[in-house]
Protein backbone atom coordinates (compact mmCIF):
# COMPACT_ATOMS: atom_id res chain seq x y z
CA MET A 1 0.35 -9.84 18.66
CA MET A 2 0.40 -6.41 20.13
CA GLN A 3 2.32 -6.98 23.60
CA ARG A 4 5.22 -8.21 20.90
CA ASP A 5 4.86 -5.02 18.97
CA ARG A 6 7.63 -2.99 19.93
CA ALA A 7 7.78 -0.49 16.82
CA SER A 8 3.97 0.60 18.28
CA ALA A 9 4.78 0.45 21.64
CA ALA A 10 8.14 3.07 21.09
CA LEU A 11 5.63 5.80 19.20
CA GLY A 12 3.26 5.36 22.23
CA MET A 13 0.53 3.49 20.96
CA ARG A 14 -2.09 2.87 22.93
CA VAL A 15 -5.18 0.36 22.17
CA GLU A 16 -8.31 1.24 22.80
CA ARG A 17 -11.13 -1.66 21.12
CA ASP A 18 -9.69 -4.85 20.43
CA GLU A 19 -12.33 -6.79 18.56
CA PRO A 20 -12.81 -9.37 15.40
CA GLY A 21 -12.99 -6.77 12.82
CA HIS A 22 -12.89 -3.55 14.84
CA ALA A 23 -10.05 -2.12 16.34
CA VAL A 24 -8.93 1.32 17.56
CA VAL A 25 -5.80 2.88 18.40
CA SER A 26 -4.83 6.51 19.33
CA MET A 27 -1.01 8.21 19.88
CA THR A 28 0.07 11.24 20.47
CA VAL A 29 2.18 13.48 18.54
CA ARG A 30 5.52 14.20 19.51
CA GLU A 31 8.21 16.83 18.54
CA ASP A 32 10.20 13.84 16.96
CA MET A 33 6.99 12.98 14.94
CA LEU A 34 6.90 15.71 13.22
CA ASN A 35 8.87 16.56 9.35
CA GLY A 36 10.58 19.53 7.85
CA PHE A 37 7.42 21.31 7.46
CA ALA A 38 6.56 21.03 11.46
CA ILE A 39 3.60 18.79 10.95
CA THR A 40 3.34 14.97 11.70
CA HIS A 41 4.84 12.91 9.02
CA GLY A 42 3.07 10.95 7.42
CA GLY A 43 5.19 7.23 7.67
CA LEU A 44 3.78 7.87 11.35
CA VAL A 45 0.25 8.23 10.53
CA PHE A 46 0.34 5.46 8.34
CA ALA A 47 1.98 3.50 11.01
CA LEU A 48 -1.32 4.81 13.12
CA ALA A 49 -3.54 3.56 10.82
CA ASP A 50 -1.42 0.46 10.01
CA THR A 51 -1.53 -1.14 13.50
CA ALA A 52 -5.18 -0.36 13.79
CA PHE A 53 -5.73 -2.74 10.49
CA ALA A 54 -3.61 -5.17 11.73
CA ILE A 55 -5.61 -5.45 15.06
CA ALA A 56 -8.86 -5.97 13.23
CA CYS A 57 -7.35 -8.12 10.43
CA ASN A 58 -5.58 -10.64 13.25
CA GLU A 59 -8.98 -12.10 14.59
CA ASP A 60 -8.50 -15.64 15.01
CA GLU A 61 -5.48 -18.40 15.61
CA ARG A 62 -4.19 -17.82 12.41
CA VAL A 63 -1.55 -15.18 11.48
CA THR A 64 -2.65 -12.71 9.02
CA VAL A 65 -0.26 -9.81 7.34
CA ALA A 66 -0.84 -6.76 4.93
CA ALA A 67 -1.03 -7.83 1.31
CA GLY A 68 -1.11 -3.98 0.27
CA ALA A 69 -2.28 -0.81 1.63
CA ASP A 70 -2.87 2.73 0.53
CA ILE A 71 -3.79 6.06 2.39
CA THR A 72 -4.58 9.37 1.25
CA PHE A 73 -3.75 12.16 3.44
CA LEU A 74 -6.78 14.88 3.96
CA LYS A 75 -5.91 17.17 7.03
CA SER A 76 -2.15 18.05 8.70
CA THR A 77 -1.86 17.68 12.64
CA THR A 78 1.45 18.53 14.79
CA SER A 79 2.81 18.17 18.20
CA GLY A 80 0.50 17.83 21.14
CA GLN A 81 -2.24 16.67 19.43
CA THR A 82 -3.88 12.98 19.69
CA LEU A 83 -4.47 10.83 16.46
CA THR A 84 -7.01 8.10 16.65
CA ALA A 85 -7.53 4.89 14.00
CA THR A 86 -10.12 3.46 14.07
CA ALA A 87 -10.38 0.02 11.56
CA LEU A 88 -13.17 -1.77 10.51
CA ARG A 89 -13.86 -4.94 8.39
CA ARG A 90 -15.47 -4.69 4.94
CA VAL A 91 -15.49 -8.22 3.80
CA ARG A 92 -13.07 -11.00 4.44
CA ARG A 93 -13.55 -14.19 2.50
CA GLY A 94 -11.05 -17.33 2.20
CA ARG A 95 -7.51 -15.69 3.02
CA SER A 96 -8.23 -12.30 1.71
CA GLY A 97 -9.81 -9.14 3.48
CA LEU A 98 -10.38 -5.63 2.67
CA TYR A 99 -10.42 -3.14 5.42
CA ASP A 100 -10.96 0.60 6.35
CA VAL A 101 -9.07 2.87 8.74
CA THR A 102 -10.11 6.21 10.14
CA VAL A 103 -7.74 8.50 11.37
CA THR A 104 -9.07 11.44 12.92
CA ASP A 105 -7.33 14.71 15.57
CA ASP A 106 -8.84 15.05 18.46
CA ALA A 107 -11.55 17.81 17.40
CA GLY A 108 -12.94 14.49 15.47
CA ASP A 109 -11.53 15.82 12.28
CA VAL A 110 -10.71 13.53 9.51
CA VAL A 111 -6.67 13.30 9.07
CA ALA A 112 -6.43 10.31 6.68
CA GLU A 113 -8.53 7.49 4.94
CA PHE A 114 -6.56 3.91 4.52
CA ARG A 115 -7.50 1.08 2.88
CA GLY A 116 -6.04 -2.60 3.69
CA ARG A 117 -5.65 -5.64 1.97
CA SER A 118 -4.84 -9.03 4.23
CA ARG A 119 -3.82 -12.24 3.90
CA THR A 120 -4.07 -14.83 6.52
CA THR A 121 -1.27 -17.64 6.32
CA ASP A 122 -1.43 -21.46 7.96
CA ARG A 123 1.22 -19.70 10.54
CA PRO A 124 -0.40 -19.95 14.10
CA ALA A 125 -0.37 -16.79 15.82
């Protein structure tokens, strides 16, 4: 999946860990990722968390997609900082799953908490 993910590649995301139900993805914040207040655009923090979520929930031969997700922003960051998203499966039953993703900065402080809900399709990966 990640070899074909042009959006994550364009944002400079790096997959640090890819295991069933567990993924770690990092991204260095660039100047062009800042909003009008000179802090990291929330949509890009969400995109990082969403990518880790996608990797963690695509753990078998079937395509799994997001059924929904929400995020709570807890700390702002800026250019030059490295953000790391760690996704963990909470539960997977039938075609539905629940995953938590914690985004931290390079000091280890929590930047955001993300919860994703997945739906497994009948499409082969």
